[in-house]
Amino acid sequence: FEALYDEDSRILVLGSFPSVKSREQKFFYGHPQNRFWQVTAAV
């Protein structure tokens, strides 16, 4: 799948390579136990 950004993006967060779950969903941090979404939501 493609990068997610737009002309207003100011921060670039880079992972290594998508997990099996992320590859299945075709989107970032798709494993239910990955804490990316919880962490960034709190931040």
PDB file of all heavy atoms in Angstrom:
ATOM      1  N   PHE A   1       0.839  -1.201   0.000  1.00  0.00           N
ATOM      2  CA  PHE A   1       0.000   0.000   0.000  1.00  0.00           C
ATOM      3  C   PHE A   1       0.872   1.249   0.000  1.00  0.00           C
ATOM      4  O   PHE A   1       2.080   1.165   0.198  1.00  0.00           O
ATOM      5  CB  PHE A   1      -1.011   0.012   1.157  1.00  0.00           C
ATOM      6  CG  PHE A   1      -0.432  -0.286   2.520  1.00  0.00           C
ATOM      7  CD1 PHE A   1       0.010   0.732   3.349  1.00  0.00           C
ATOM      8  CD2 PHE A   1      -0.342  -1.593   2.983  1.00  0.00           C
ATOM      9  CE1 PHE A   1       0.534   0.460   4.599  1.00  0.00           C
ATOM     10  CE2 PHE A   1       0.175  -1.874   4.245  1.00  0.00           C
ATOM     11  CZ  PHE A   1       0.617  -0.843   5.049  1.00  0.00           C
ATOM     12  N   GLU A   2       0.242   2.389  -0.231  1.00  0.00           N
ATOM     13  CA  GLU A   2       0.951   3.651  -0.414  1.00  0.00           C
ATOM     14  C   GLU A   2       1.170   4.395   0.902  1.00  0.00           C
ATOM     15  O   GLU A   2       0.482   4.152   1.889  1.00  0.00           O
ATOM     16  CB  GLU A   2       0.140   4.557  -1.359  1.00  0.00           C
ATOM     17  CG  GLU A   2       0.049   4.044  -2.782  1.00  0.00           C
ATOM     18  CD  GLU A   2       1.397   3.997  -3.465  1.00  0.00           C
ATOM     19  OE1 GLU A   2       2.193   4.952  -3.324  1.00  0.00           O
ATOM     20  OE2 GLU A   2       1.671   2.982  -4.137  1.00  0.00           O
ATOM     21  N   ALA A   3       2.066   5.343   0.848  1.00  0.00           N
ATOM     22  CA  ALA A   3       2.296   6.251   1.971  1.00  0.00           C
ATOM     23  C   ALA A   3       1.037   7.073   2.219  1.00  0.00           C
ATOM     24  O   ALA A   3       0.249   7.296   1.304  1.00  0.00           O
ATOM     25  CB  ALA A   3       3.456   7.187   1.641  1.00  0.00           C
ATOM     26  N   LEU A   4       0.882   7.528   3.446  1.00  0.00           N
ATOM     27  CA  LEU A   4      -0.230   8.422   3.767  1.00  0.00           C
ATOM     28  C   LEU A   4       0.363   9.776   4.158  1.00  0.00           C
ATOM     29  O   LEU A   4       1.115   9.862   5.121  1.00  0.00           O
ATOM     30  CB  LEU A   4      -1.086   7.883   4.905  1.00  0.00           C
ATOM     31  CG  LEU A   4      -2.301   8.799   5.104  1.00  0.00           C
ATOM     32  CD1 LEU A   4      -3.556   8.104   4.676  1.00  0.00           C
ATOM     33  CD2 LEU A   4      -2.384   9.333   6.487  1.00  0.00           C
ATOM     34  N   TYR A   5       0.053  10.788   3.384  1.00  0.00           N
ATOM     35  CA  TYR A   5       0.518  12.148   3.656  1.00  0.00           C
ATOM     36  C   TYR A   5      -0.299  13.105   2.801  1.00  0.00           C
ATOM     37  O   TYR A   5      -1.014  12.691   1.887  1.00  0.00           O
ATOM     38  CB  TYR A   5       2.017  12.304   3.355  1.00  0.00           C
ATOM     39  CG  TYR A   5       2.364  12.220   1.904  1.00  0.00           C
ATOM     40  CD1 TYR A   5       2.553  13.372   1.140  1.00  0.00           C
ATOM     41  CD2 TYR A   5       2.481  10.992   1.268  1.00  0.00           C
ATOM     42  CE1 TYR A   5       2.859  13.294  -0.205  1.00  0.00           C
ATOM     43  CE2 TYR A   5       2.791  10.902  -0.073  1.00  0.00           C
ATOM     44  CZ  TYR A   5       2.976  12.053  -0.802  1.00  0.00           C
ATOM     45  OH  TYR A   5       3.267  11.976  -2.136  1.00  0.00           O
ATOM     46  N   ASP A   6      -0.180  14.384   3.117  1.00  0.00           N
ATOM     47  CA  ASP A   6      -0.737  15.425   2.266  1.00  0.00           C
ATOM     48  C   ASP A   6       0.166  16.643   2.338  1.00  0.00           C
ATOM     49  O   ASP A   6       1.181  16.624   3.043  1.00  0.00           O
ATOM     50  CB  ASP A   6      -2.203  15.743   2.613  1.00  0.00           C
ATOM     51  CG  ASP A   6      -2.405  16.299   4.006  1.00  0.00           C
ATOM     52  OD1 ASP A   6      -1.438  16.861   4.589  1.00  0.00           O
ATOM     53  OD2 ASP A   6      -3.516  16.198   4.525  1.00  0.00           O
ATOM     54  N   GLU A   7      -0.200  17.699   1.644  1.00  0.00           N
ATOM     55  CA  GLU A   7       0.675  18.874   1.583  1.00  0.00           C
ATOM     56  C   GLU A   7       0.836  19.557   2.926  1.00  0.00           C
ATOM     57  O   GLU A   7       1.782  20.329   3.131  1.00  0.00           O
ATOM     58  CB  GLU A   7       0.154  19.871   0.542  1.00  0.00           C
ATOM     59  CG  GLU A   7      -1.219  20.403   0.855  1.00  0.00           C
ATOM     60  CD  GLU A   7      -1.796  21.252  -0.265  1.00  0.00           C
ATOM     61  OE1 GLU A   7      -1.279  21.182  -1.383  1.00  0.00           O
ATOM     62  OE2 GLU A   7      -2.782  21.979  -0.001  1.00  0.00           O
ATOM     63  N   ASP A   8      -0.054  19.293   3.891  1.00  0.00           N
ATOM     64  CA  ASP A   8       0.035  19.902   5.223  1.00  0.00           C
ATOM     65  C   ASP A   8       0.770  19.039   6.238  1.00  0.00           C
ATOM     66  O   ASP A   8       0.917  19.445   7.400  1.00  0.00           O
ATOM     67  CB  ASP A   8      -1.372  20.224   5.751  1.00  0.00           C
ATOM     68  CG  ASP A   8      -2.054  21.300   4.928  1.00  0.00           C
ATOM     69  OD1 ASP A   8      -1.349  22.242   4.489  1.00  0.00           O
ATOM     70  OD2 ASP A   8      -3.271  21.199   4.714  1.00  0.00           O
ATOM     71  N   SER A   9       1.221  17.860   5.844  1.00  0.00           N
ATOM     72  CA  SER A   9       1.946  16.983   6.774  1.00  0.00           C
ATOM     73  C   SER A   9       3.223  17.673   7.243  1.00  0.00           C
ATOM     74  O   SER A   9       3.975  18.214   6.429  1.00  0.00           O
ATOM     75  CB  SER A   9       2.309  15.659   6.103  1.00  0.00           C
ATOM     76  OG  SER A   9       1.151  14.952   5.718  1.00  0.00           O
ATOM     77  N   ARG A  10       3.450  17.651   8.554  1.00  0.00           N
ATOM     78  CA  ARG A  10       4.654  18.272   9.129  1.00  0.00           C
ATOM     79  C   ARG A  10       5.556  17.248   9.808  1.00  0.00           C
ATOM     80  O   ARG A  10       6.730  17.503  10.025  1.00  0.00           O
ATOM     81  CB  ARG A  10       4.262  19.345  10.136  1.00  0.00           C
ATOM     82  CG  ARG A  10       3.555  20.534   9.517  1.00  0.00           C
ATOM     83  CD  ARG A  10       3.399  21.687  10.488  1.00  0.00           C
ATOM     84  NE  ARG A  10       2.810  21.314  11.761  1.00  0.00           N
ATOM     85  CZ  ARG A  10       1.531  21.465  12.082  1.00  0.00           C
ATOM     86  NH1 ARG A  10       0.685  21.983  11.212  1.00  0.00           N
ATOM     87  NH2 ARG A  10       1.086  21.114  13.269  1.00  0.00           N
ATOM     88  N   ILE A  11       4.991  16.118  10.153  1.00  0.00           N
ATOM     89  CA  ILE A  11       5.701  15.070  10.888  1.00  0.00           C
ATOM     90  C   ILE A  11       5.667  13.812  10.034  1.00  0.00           C
ATOM     91  O   ILE A  11       4.606  13.443   9.523  1.00  0.00           O
ATOM     92  CB  ILE A  11       4.982  14.789  12.228  1.00  0.00           C
ATOM     93  CG1 ILE A  11       4.896  16.048  13.082  1.00  0.00           C
ATOM     94  CG2 ILE A  11       5.643  13.639  12.975  1.00  0.00           C
ATOM     95  CD1 ILE A  11       3.786  15.984  14.105  1.00  0.00           C
ATOM     96  N   LEU A  12       6.808  13.157   9.897  1.00  0.00           N
ATOM     97  CA  LEU A  12       6.866  11.883   9.177  1.00  0.00           C
ATOM     98  C   LEU A  12       7.253  10.799  10.164  1.00  0.00           C
ATOM     99  O   LEU A  12       8.319  10.859  10.782  1.00  0.00           O
ATOM    100  CB  LEU A  12       7.878  11.952   8.035  1.00  0.00           C
ATOM    101  CG  LEU A  12       8.137  10.658   7.259  1.00  0.00           C
ATOM    102  CD1 LEU A  12       6.856  10.083   6.653  1.00  0.00           C
ATOM    103  CD2 LEU A  12       9.184  10.905   6.170  1.00  0.00           C
ATOM    104  N   VAL A  13       6.361   9.815  10.335  1.00  0.00           N
ATOM    105  CA  VAL A  13       6.630   8.661  11.187  1.00  0.00           C
ATOM    106  C   VAL A  13       6.874   7.468  10.275  1.00  0.00           C
ATOM    107  O   VAL A  13       6.036   7.138   9.433  1.00  0.00           O
ATOM    108  CB  VAL A  13       5.455   8.370  12.151  1.00  0.00           C
ATOM    109  CG1 VAL A  13       5.724   7.099  12.952  1.00  0.00           C
ATOM    110  CG2 VAL A  13       5.218   9.547  13.091  1.00  0.00           C
ATOM    111  N   LEU A  14       8.023   6.841  10.464  1.00  0.00           N
ATOM    112  CA  LEU A  14       8.424   5.727   9.614  1.00  0.00           C
ATOM    113  C   LEU A  14       8.516   4.422  10.382  1.00  0.00           C
ATOM    114  O   LEU A  14       9.211   4.344  11.395  1.00  0.00           O
ATOM    115  CB  LEU A  14       9.804   6.022   9.007  1.00  0.00           C
ATOM    116  CG  LEU A  14       9.877   7.213   8.067  1.00  0.00           C
ATOM    117  CD1 LEU A  14      11.323   7.585   7.797  1.00  0.00           C
ATOM    118  CD2 LEU A  14       9.138   6.899   6.774  1.00  0.00           C
ATOM    119  N   GLY A  15       7.811   3.435   9.880  1.00  0.00           N
ATOM    120  CA  GLY A  15       7.979   2.078  10.381  1.00  0.00           C
ATOM    121  C   GLY A  15       9.029   1.385   9.538  1.00  0.00           C
ATOM    122  O   GLY A  15       9.634   1.989   8.641  1.00  0.00           O
ATOM    123  N   SER A  16       9.236   0.110   9.782  1.00  0.00           N
ATOM    124  CA  SER A  16      10.198  -0.657   8.984  1.00  0.00           C
ATOM    125  C   SER A  16       9.499  -1.237   7.763  1.00  0.00           C
ATOM    126  O   SER A  16       9.727  -0.809   6.633  1.00  0.00           O
ATOM    127  CB  SER A  16      10.840  -1.751   9.835  1.00  0.00           C
ATOM    128  OG  SER A  16       9.833  -2.544  10.452  1.00  0.00           O
ATOM    129  N   PHE A  17       8.596  -2.185   8.002  1.00  0.00           N
ATOM    130  CA  PHE A  17       7.852  -2.863   6.940  1.00  0.00           C
ATOM    131  C   PHE A  17       6.565  -3.369   7.569  1.00  0.00           C
ATOM    132  O   PHE A  17       6.557  -3.759   8.737  1.00  0.00           O
ATOM    133  CB  PHE A  17       8.693  -4.028   6.386  1.00  0.00           C
ATOM    134  CG  PHE A  17       8.191  -4.569   5.086  1.00  0.00           C
ATOM    135  CD1 PHE A  17       8.351  -3.850   3.913  1.00  0.00           C
ATOM    136  CD2 PHE A  17       7.563  -5.807   5.026  1.00  0.00           C
ATOM    137  CE1 PHE A  17       7.888  -4.348   2.701  1.00  0.00           C
ATOM    138  CE2 PHE A  17       7.090  -6.315   3.828  1.00  0.00           C
ATOM    139  CZ  PHE A  17       7.257  -5.583   2.653  1.00  0.00           C
ATOM    140  N   PRO A  18       5.455  -3.370   6.841  1.00  0.00           N
ATOM    141  CA  PRO A  18       4.177  -3.741   7.468  1.00  0.00           C
ATOM    142  C   PRO A  18       4.135  -5.196   7.943  1.00  0.00           C
ATOM    143  O   PRO A  18       4.666  -6.090   7.287  1.00  0.00           O
ATOM    144  CB  PRO A  18       3.134  -3.501   6.375  1.00  0.00           C
ATOM    145  CG  PRO A  18       3.864  -3.186   5.130  1.00  0.00           C
ATOM    146  CD  PRO A  18       5.297  -2.986   5.443  1.00  0.00           C
ATOM    147  N   SER A  19       3.485  -5.377   9.069  1.00  0.00           N
ATOM    148  CA  SER A  19       3.275  -6.719   9.620  1.00  0.00           C
ATOM    149  C   SER A  19       2.308  -7.500   8.728  1.00  0.00           C
ATOM    150  O   SER A  19       1.672  -6.935   7.834  1.00  0.00           O
ATOM    151  CB  SER A  19       2.675  -6.610  11.025  1.00  0.00           C
ATOM    152  OG  SER A  19       1.341  -6.101  10.942  1.00  0.00           O
ATOM    153  N   VAL A  20       2.185  -8.774   9.003  1.00  0.00           N
ATOM    154  CA  VAL A  20       1.231  -9.608   8.262  1.00  0.00           C
ATOM    155  C   VAL A  20      -0.170  -9.000   8.350  1.00  0.00           C
ATOM    156  O   VAL A  20      -0.870  -8.867   7.346  1.00  0.00           O
ATOM    157  CB  VAL A  20       1.242 -11.066   8.791  1.00  0.00           C
ATOM    158  CG1 VAL A  20       0.101 -11.868   8.185  1.00  0.00           C
ATOM    159  CG2 VAL A  20       2.584 -11.730   8.514  1.00  0.00           C
ATOM    160  N   LYS A  21      -0.589  -8.604   9.558  1.00  0.00           N
ATOM    161  CA  LYS A  21      -1.928  -8.021   9.741  1.00  0.00           C
ATOM    162  C   LYS A  21      -2.088  -6.717   8.961  1.00  0.00           C
ATOM    163  O   LYS A  21      -3.120  -6.466   8.346  1.00  0.00           O
ATOM    164  CB  LYS A  21      -2.218  -7.772  11.225  1.00  0.00           C
ATOM    165  CG  LYS A  21      -2.470  -9.026  12.013  1.00  0.00           C
ATOM    166  CD  LYS A  21      -3.821  -9.589  11.680  1.00  0.00           C
ATOM    167  CE  LYS A  21      -4.145 -10.785  12.553  1.00  0.00           C
ATOM    168  NZ  LYS A  21      -5.218 -11.586  11.993  1.00  0.00           N
ATOM    169  N   SER A  22      -1.054  -5.881   8.973  1.00  0.00           N
ATOM    170  CA  SER A  22      -1.120  -4.624   8.225  1.00  0.00           C
ATOM    171  C   SER A  22      -1.168  -4.888   6.726  1.00  0.00           C
ATOM    172  O   SER A  22      -1.888  -4.209   5.992  1.00  0.00           O
ATOM    173  CB  SER A  22       0.085  -3.739   8.556  1.00  0.00           C
ATOM    174  OG  SER A  22       0.027  -3.335   9.901  1.00  0.00           O
ATOM    175  N   ARG A  23      -0.423  -5.886   6.278  1.00  0.00           N
ATOM    176  CA  ARG A  23      -0.452  -6.236   4.853  1.00  0.00           C
ATOM    177  C   ARG A  23      -1.834  -6.741   4.471  1.00  0.00           C
ATOM    178  O   ARG A  23      -2.346  -6.427   3.394  1.00  0.00           O
ATOM    179  CB  ARG A  23       0.623  -7.277   4.529  1.00  0.00           C
ATOM    180  CG  ARG A  23       2.030  -6.723   4.713  1.00  0.00           C
ATOM    181  CD  ARG A  23       3.131  -7.607   4.173  1.00  0.00           C
ATOM    182  NE  ARG A  23       3.237  -8.953   4.644  1.00  0.00           N
ATOM    183  CZ  ARG A  23       4.108  -9.396   5.546  1.00  0.00           C
ATOM    184  NH1 ARG A  23       4.955  -8.543   6.145  1.00  0.00           N
ATOM    185  NH2 ARG A  23       4.154 -10.667   5.861  1.00  0.00           N
ATOM    186  N   GLU A  24      -2.479  -7.506   5.347  1.00  0.00           N
ATOM    187  CA  GLU A  24      -3.837  -7.995   5.064  1.00  0.00           C
ATOM    188  C   GLU A  24      -4.820  -6.831   4.972  1.00  0.00           C
ATOM    189  O   GLU A  24      -5.685  -6.800   4.101  1.00  0.00           O
ATOM    190  CB  GLU A  24      -4.286  -8.960   6.173  1.00  0.00           C
ATOM    191  CG  GLU A  24      -3.606 -10.309   6.142  1.00  0.00           C
ATOM    192  CD  GLU A  24      -3.909 -11.147   7.376  1.00  0.00           C
ATOM    193  OE1 GLU A  24      -4.671 -10.699   8.275  1.00  0.00           O
ATOM    194  OE2 GLU A  24      -3.368 -12.267   7.454  1.00  0.00           O
ATOM    195  N   GLN A  25      -4.704  -5.883   5.889  1.00  0.00           N
ATOM    196  CA  GLN A  25      -5.624  -4.735   5.926  1.00  0.00           C
ATOM    197  C   GLN A  25      -5.257  -3.654   4.912  1.00  0.00           C
ATOM    198  O   GLN A  25      -6.045  -2.756   4.650  1.00  0.00           O
ATOM    199  CB  GLN A  25      -5.618  -4.107   7.324  1.00  0.00           C
ATOM    200  CG  GLN A  25      -6.219  -4.971   8.382  1.00  0.00           C
ATOM    201  CD  GLN A  25      -6.168  -4.296   9.747  1.00  0.00           C
ATOM    202  OE1 GLN A  25      -5.982  -3.086   9.871  1.00  0.00           O
ATOM    203  NE2 GLN A  25      -6.341  -5.077  10.801  1.00  0.00           N
ATOM    204  N   LYS A  26      -4.017  -3.725   4.415  1.00  0.00           N
ATOM    205  CA  LYS A  26      -3.486  -2.709   3.504  1.00  0.00           C
ATOM    206  C   LYS A  26      -3.499  -1.322   4.146  1.00  0.00           C
ATOM    207  O   LYS A  26      -3.827  -0.307   3.519  1.00  0.00           O
ATOM    208  CB  LYS A  26      -4.213  -2.715   2.170  1.00  0.00           C
ATOM    209  CG  LYS A  26      -3.981  -4.005   1.392  1.00  0.00           C
ATOM    210  CD  LYS A  26      -4.429  -3.889  -0.025  1.00  0.00           C
ATOM    211  CE  LYS A  26      -4.244  -5.102  -0.882  1.00  0.00           C
ATOM    212  NZ  LYS A  26      -3.579  -6.265  -0.423  1.00  0.00           N
ATOM    213  N   PHE A  27      -3.109  -1.311   5.450  1.00  0.00           N
ATOM    214  CA  PHE A  27      -2.968  -0.044   6.162  1.00  0.00           C
ATOM    215  C   PHE A  27      -2.043  -0.230   7.362  1.00  0.00           C
ATOM    216  O   PHE A  27      -1.856  -1.326   7.854  1.00  0.00           O
ATOM    217  CB  PHE A  27      -4.327   0.512   6.613  1.00  0.00           C
ATOM    218  CG  PHE A  27      -4.267   1.978   6.919  1.00  0.00           C
ATOM    219  CD1 PHE A  27      -4.080   2.909   5.907  1.00  0.00           C
ATOM    220  CD2 PHE A  27      -4.370   2.441   8.221  1.00  0.00           C
ATOM    221  CE1 PHE A  27      -3.997   4.260   6.176  1.00  0.00           C
ATOM    222  CE2 PHE A  27      -4.291   3.796   8.505  1.00  0.00           C
ATOM    223  CZ  PHE A  27      -4.109   4.705   7.482  1.00  0.00           C
ATOM    224  N   PHE A  28      -1.515   0.878   7.816  1.00  0.00           N
ATOM    225  CA  PHE A  28      -0.487   0.910   8.845  1.00  0.00           C
ATOM    226  C   PHE A  28      -0.967   0.442  10.217  1.00  0.00           C
ATOM    227  O   PHE A  28      -2.082   0.750  10.622  1.00  0.00           O
ATOM    228  CB  PHE A  28       0.065   2.340   8.974  1.00  0.00           C
ATOM    229  CG  PHE A  28       0.613   2.859   7.680  1.00  0.00           C
ATOM    230  CD1 PHE A  28      -0.179   3.624   6.838  1.00  0.00           C
ATOM    231  CD2 PHE A  28       1.900   2.550   7.287  1.00  0.00           C
ATOM    232  CE1 PHE A  28       0.317   4.102   5.635  1.00  0.00           C
ATOM    233  CE2 PHE A  28       2.412   3.013   6.078  1.00  0.00           C
ATOM    234  CZ  PHE A  28       1.614   3.790   5.254  1.00  0.00           C
ATOM    235  N   TYR A  29      -0.080  -0.234  10.903  1.00  0.00           N
ATOM    236  CA  TYR A  29      -0.276  -0.638  12.296  1.00  0.00           C
ATOM    237  C   TYR A  29      -1.601  -1.367  12.509  1.00  0.00           C
ATOM    238  O   TYR A  29      -2.407  -1.006  13.353  1.00  0.00           O
ATOM    239  CB  TYR A  29      -0.114   0.579  13.225  1.00  0.00           C
ATOM    240  CG  TYR A  29       1.211   1.263  12.971  1.00  0.00           C
ATOM    241  CD1 TYR A  29       1.288   2.482  12.313  1.00  0.00           C
ATOM    242  CD2 TYR A  29       2.405   0.636  13.336  1.00  0.00           C
ATOM    243  CE1 TYR A  29       2.522   3.075  12.027  1.00  0.00           C
ATOM    244  CE2 TYR A  29       3.639   1.227  13.055  1.00  0.00           C
ATOM    245  CZ  TYR A  29       3.684   2.441  12.408  1.00  0.00           C
ATOM    246  OH  TYR A  29       4.897   3.019  12.130  1.00  0.00           O
ATOM    247  N   GLY A  30      -1.778  -2.414  11.718  1.00  0.00           N
ATOM    248  CA  GLY A  30      -3.034  -3.158  11.726  1.00  0.00           C
ATOM    249  C   GLY A  30      -3.139  -4.253  12.764  1.00  0.00           C
ATOM    250  O   GLY A  30      -4.223  -4.756  13.017  1.00  0.00           O
ATOM    251  N   HIS A  31      -2.026  -4.629  13.379  1.00  0.00           N
ATOM    252  CA  HIS A  31      -2.097  -5.668  14.413  1.00  0.00           C
ATOM    253  C   HIS A  31      -2.839  -5.094  15.613  1.00  0.00           C
ATOM    254  O   HIS A  31      -2.511  -4.004  16.090  1.00  0.00           O
ATOM    255  CB  HIS A  31      -0.690  -6.120  14.818  1.00  0.00           C
ATOM    256  CG  HIS A  31      -0.694  -7.356  15.653  1.00  0.00           C
ATOM    257  ND1 HIS A  31      -1.155  -7.372  16.949  1.00  0.00           N
ATOM    258  CD2 HIS A  31      -0.311  -8.613  15.365  1.00  0.00           C
ATOM    259  CE1 HIS A  31      -1.049  -8.600  17.426  1.00  0.00           C
ATOM    260  NE2 HIS A  31      -0.537  -9.369  16.487  1.00  0.00           N
ATOM    261  N   PRO A  32      -3.846  -5.790  16.109  1.00  0.00           N
ATOM    262  CA  PRO A  32      -4.662  -5.231  17.199  1.00  0.00           C
ATOM    263  C   PRO A  32      -3.864  -4.935  18.471  1.00  0.00           C
ATOM    264  O   PRO A  32      -4.283  -4.115  19.284  1.00  0.00           O
ATOM    265  CB  PRO A  32      -5.736  -6.293  17.455  1.00  0.00           C
ATOM    266  CG  PRO A  32      -5.281  -7.522  16.747  1.00  0.00           C
ATOM    267  CD  PRO A  32      -4.325  -7.106  15.683  1.00  0.00           C
ATOM    268  N   GLN A  33      -2.705  -5.579  18.635  1.00  0.00           N
ATOM    269  CA  GLN A  33      -1.907  -5.320  19.835  1.00  0.00           C
ATOM    270  C   GLN A  33      -0.809  -4.288  19.609  1.00  0.00           C
ATOM    271  O   GLN A  33      -0.092  -3.937  20.536  1.00  0.00           O
ATOM    272  CB  GLN A  33      -1.321  -6.624  20.360  1.00  0.00           C
ATOM    273  CG  GLN A  33      -2.409  -7.528  20.909  1.00  0.00           C
ATOM    274  CD  GLN A  33      -1.900  -8.916  21.238  1.00  0.00           C
ATOM    275  OE1 GLN A  33      -0.965  -9.409  20.626  1.00  0.00           O
ATOM    276  NE2 GLN A  33      -2.531  -9.553  22.203  1.00  0.00           N
ATOM    277  N   ASN A  34      -0.682  -3.773  18.386  1.00  0.00           N
ATOM    278  CA  ASN A  34       0.271  -2.692  18.164  1.00  0.00           C
ATOM    279  C   ASN A  34      -0.306  -1.444  18.821  1.00  0.00           C
ATOM    280  O   ASN A  34      -1.479  -1.123  18.640  1.00  0.00           O
ATOM    281  CB  ASN A  34       0.515  -2.454  16.674  1.00  0.00           C
ATOM    282  CG  ASN A  34       1.687  -1.522  16.447  1.00  0.00           C
ATOM    283  OD1 ASN A  34       1.704  -0.397  16.944  1.00  0.00           O
ATOM    284  ND2 ASN A  34       2.673  -2.000  15.707  1.00  0.00           N
ATOM    285  N   ARG A  35       0.521  -0.735  19.557  1.00  0.00           N
ATOM    286  CA  ARG A  35       0.035   0.384  20.369  1.00  0.00           C
ATOM    287  C   ARG A  35       0.154   1.745  19.676  1.00  0.00           C
ATOM    288  O   ARG A  35      -0.083   2.775  20.299  1.00  0.00           O
ATOM    289  CB  ARG A  35       0.787   0.377  21.703  1.00  0.00           C
ATOM    290  CG  ARG A  35       0.458  -0.912  22.475  1.00  0.00           C
ATOM    291  CD  ARG A  35       1.400  -1.197  23.599  1.00  0.00           C
ATOM    292  NE  ARG A  35       2.719  -1.540  23.075  1.00  0.00           N
ATOM    293  CZ  ARG A  35       3.790  -1.768  23.838  1.00  0.00           C
ATOM    294  NH1 ARG A  35       3.680  -1.694  25.146  1.00  0.00           N
ATOM    295  NH2 ARG A  35       4.955  -2.070  23.300  1.00  0.00           N
ATOM    296  N   PHE A  36       0.483   1.752  18.392  1.00  0.00           N
ATOM    297  CA  PHE A  36       0.660   3.017  17.677  1.00  0.00           C
ATOM    298  C   PHE A  36      -0.555   3.936  17.813  1.00  0.00           C
ATOM    299  O   PHE A  36      -0.413   5.125  18.108  1.00  0.00           O
ATOM    300  CB  PHE A  36       0.954   2.762  16.189  1.00  0.00           C
ATOM    301  CG  PHE A  36       1.096   4.023  15.393  1.00  0.00           C
ATOM    302  CD1 PHE A  36       2.292   4.716  15.373  1.00  0.00           C
ATOM    303  CD2 PHE A  36       0.023   4.534  14.665  1.00  0.00           C
ATOM    304  CE1 PHE A  36       2.422   5.894  14.647  1.00  0.00           C
ATOM    305  CE2 PHE A  36       0.151   5.703  13.932  1.00  0.00           C
ATOM    306  CZ  PHE A  36       1.355   6.387  13.927  1.00  0.00           C
ATOM    307  N   TRP A  37      -1.731   3.407  17.587  1.00  0.00           N
ATOM    308  CA  TRP A  37      -2.927   4.258  17.595  1.00  0.00           C
ATOM    309  C   TRP A  37      -3.257   4.744  18.994  1.00  0.00           C
ATOM    310  O   TRP A  37      -3.663   5.899  19.176  1.00  0.00           O
ATOM    311  CB  TRP A  37      -4.111   3.532  16.944  1.00  0.00           C
ATOM    312  CG  TRP A  37      -3.783   3.202  15.520  1.00  0.00           C
ATOM    313  CD1 TRP A  37      -3.509   1.970  14.981  1.00  0.00           C
ATOM    314  CD2 TRP A  37      -3.609   4.140  14.446  1.00  0.00           C
ATOM    315  NE1 TRP A  37      -3.191   2.088  13.654  1.00  0.00           N
ATOM    316  CE2 TRP A  37      -3.247   3.405  13.291  1.00  0.00           C
ATOM    317  CE3 TRP A  37      -3.741   5.517  14.347  1.00  0.00           C
ATOM    318  CZ2 TRP A  37      -3.012   4.018  12.059  1.00  0.00           C
ATOM    319  CZ3 TRP A  37      -3.512   6.130  13.120  1.00  0.00           C
ATOM    320  CH2 TRP A  37      -3.145   5.380  11.995  1.00  0.00           C
ATOM    321  N   GLN A  38      -3.057   3.905  19.998  1.00  0.00           N
ATOM    322  CA  GLN A  38      -3.280   4.329  21.388  1.00  0.00           C
ATOM    323  C   GLN A  38      -2.278   5.410  21.784  1.00  0.00           C
ATOM    324  O   GLN A  38      -2.639   6.400  22.413  1.00  0.00           O
ATOM    325  CB  GLN A  38      -3.124   3.149  22.347  1.00  0.00           C
ATOM    326  CG  GLN A  38      -4.236   2.124  22.281  1.00  0.00           C
ATOM    327  CD  GLN A  38      -3.890   0.951  23.183  1.00  0.00           C
ATOM    328  OE1 GLN A  38      -3.071   0.111  22.824  1.00  0.00           O
ATOM    329  NE2 GLN A  38      -4.495   0.916  24.351  1.00  0.00           N
ATOM    330  N   VAL A  39      -1.026   5.204  21.423  1.00  0.00           N
ATOM    331  CA  VAL A  39       0.030   6.148  21.784  1.00  0.00           C
ATOM    332  C   VAL A  39      -0.205   7.495  21.116  1.00  0.00           C
ATOM    333  O   VAL A  39      -0.199   8.545  21.778  1.00  0.00           O
ATOM    334  CB  VAL A  39       1.424   5.578  21.415  1.00  0.00           C
ATOM    335  CG1 VAL A  39       2.502   6.660  21.509  1.00  0.00           C
ATOM    336  CG2 VAL A  39       1.772   4.401  22.317  1.00  0.00           C
ATOM    337  N   THR A  40      -0.410   7.507  19.814  1.00  0.00           N
ATOM    338  CA  THR A  40      -0.583   8.779  19.114  1.00  0.00           C
ATOM    339  C   THR A  40      -1.870   9.487  19.533  1.00  0.00           C
ATOM    340  O   THR A  40      -1.895  10.716  19.633  1.00  0.00           O
ATOM    341  CB  THR A  40      -0.516   8.609  17.580  1.00  0.00           C
ATOM    342  OG1 THR A  40      -1.458   7.621  17.166  1.00  0.00           O
ATOM    343  CG2 THR A  40       0.891   8.209  17.136  1.00  0.00           C
ATOM    344  N   ALA A  41      -2.914   8.726  19.806  1.00  0.00           N
ATOM    345  CA  ALA A  41      -4.157   9.353  20.290  1.00  0.00           C
ATOM    346  C   ALA A  41      -3.908  10.037  21.635  1.00  0.00           C
ATOM    347  O   ALA A  41      -4.367  11.169  21.852  1.00  0.00           O
ATOM    348  CB  ALA A  41      -5.268   8.315  20.409  1.00  0.00           C
ATOM    349  N   ALA A  42      -3.184   9.392  22.519  1.00  0.00           N
ATOM    350  CA  ALA A  42      -2.866  10.002  23.819  1.00  0.00           C
ATOM    351  C   ALA A  42      -1.983  11.233  23.638  1.00  0.00           C
ATOM    352  O   ALA A  42      -2.218  12.273  24.267  1.00  0.00           O
ATOM    353  CB  ALA A  42      -2.178   8.980  24.720  1.00  0.00           C
ATOM    354  N   VAL A  43      -0.989  11.142  22.768  1.00  0.00           N
ATOM    355  CA  VAL A  43      -0.080  12.272  22.520  1.00  0.00           C
ATOM    356  C   VAL A  43      -0.847  13.486  22.001  1.00  0.00           C
ATOM    357  O   VAL A  43      -0.605  14.615  22.438  1.00  0.00           O
ATOM    358  CB  VAL A  43       1.047  11.853  21.544  1.00  0.00           C
ATOM    359  CG1 VAL A  43       1.769  13.064  20.973  1.00  0.00           C
ATOM    360  CG2 VAL A  43       2.023  10.906  22.218  1.00  0.00           C
TER     361      VAL A  43
END
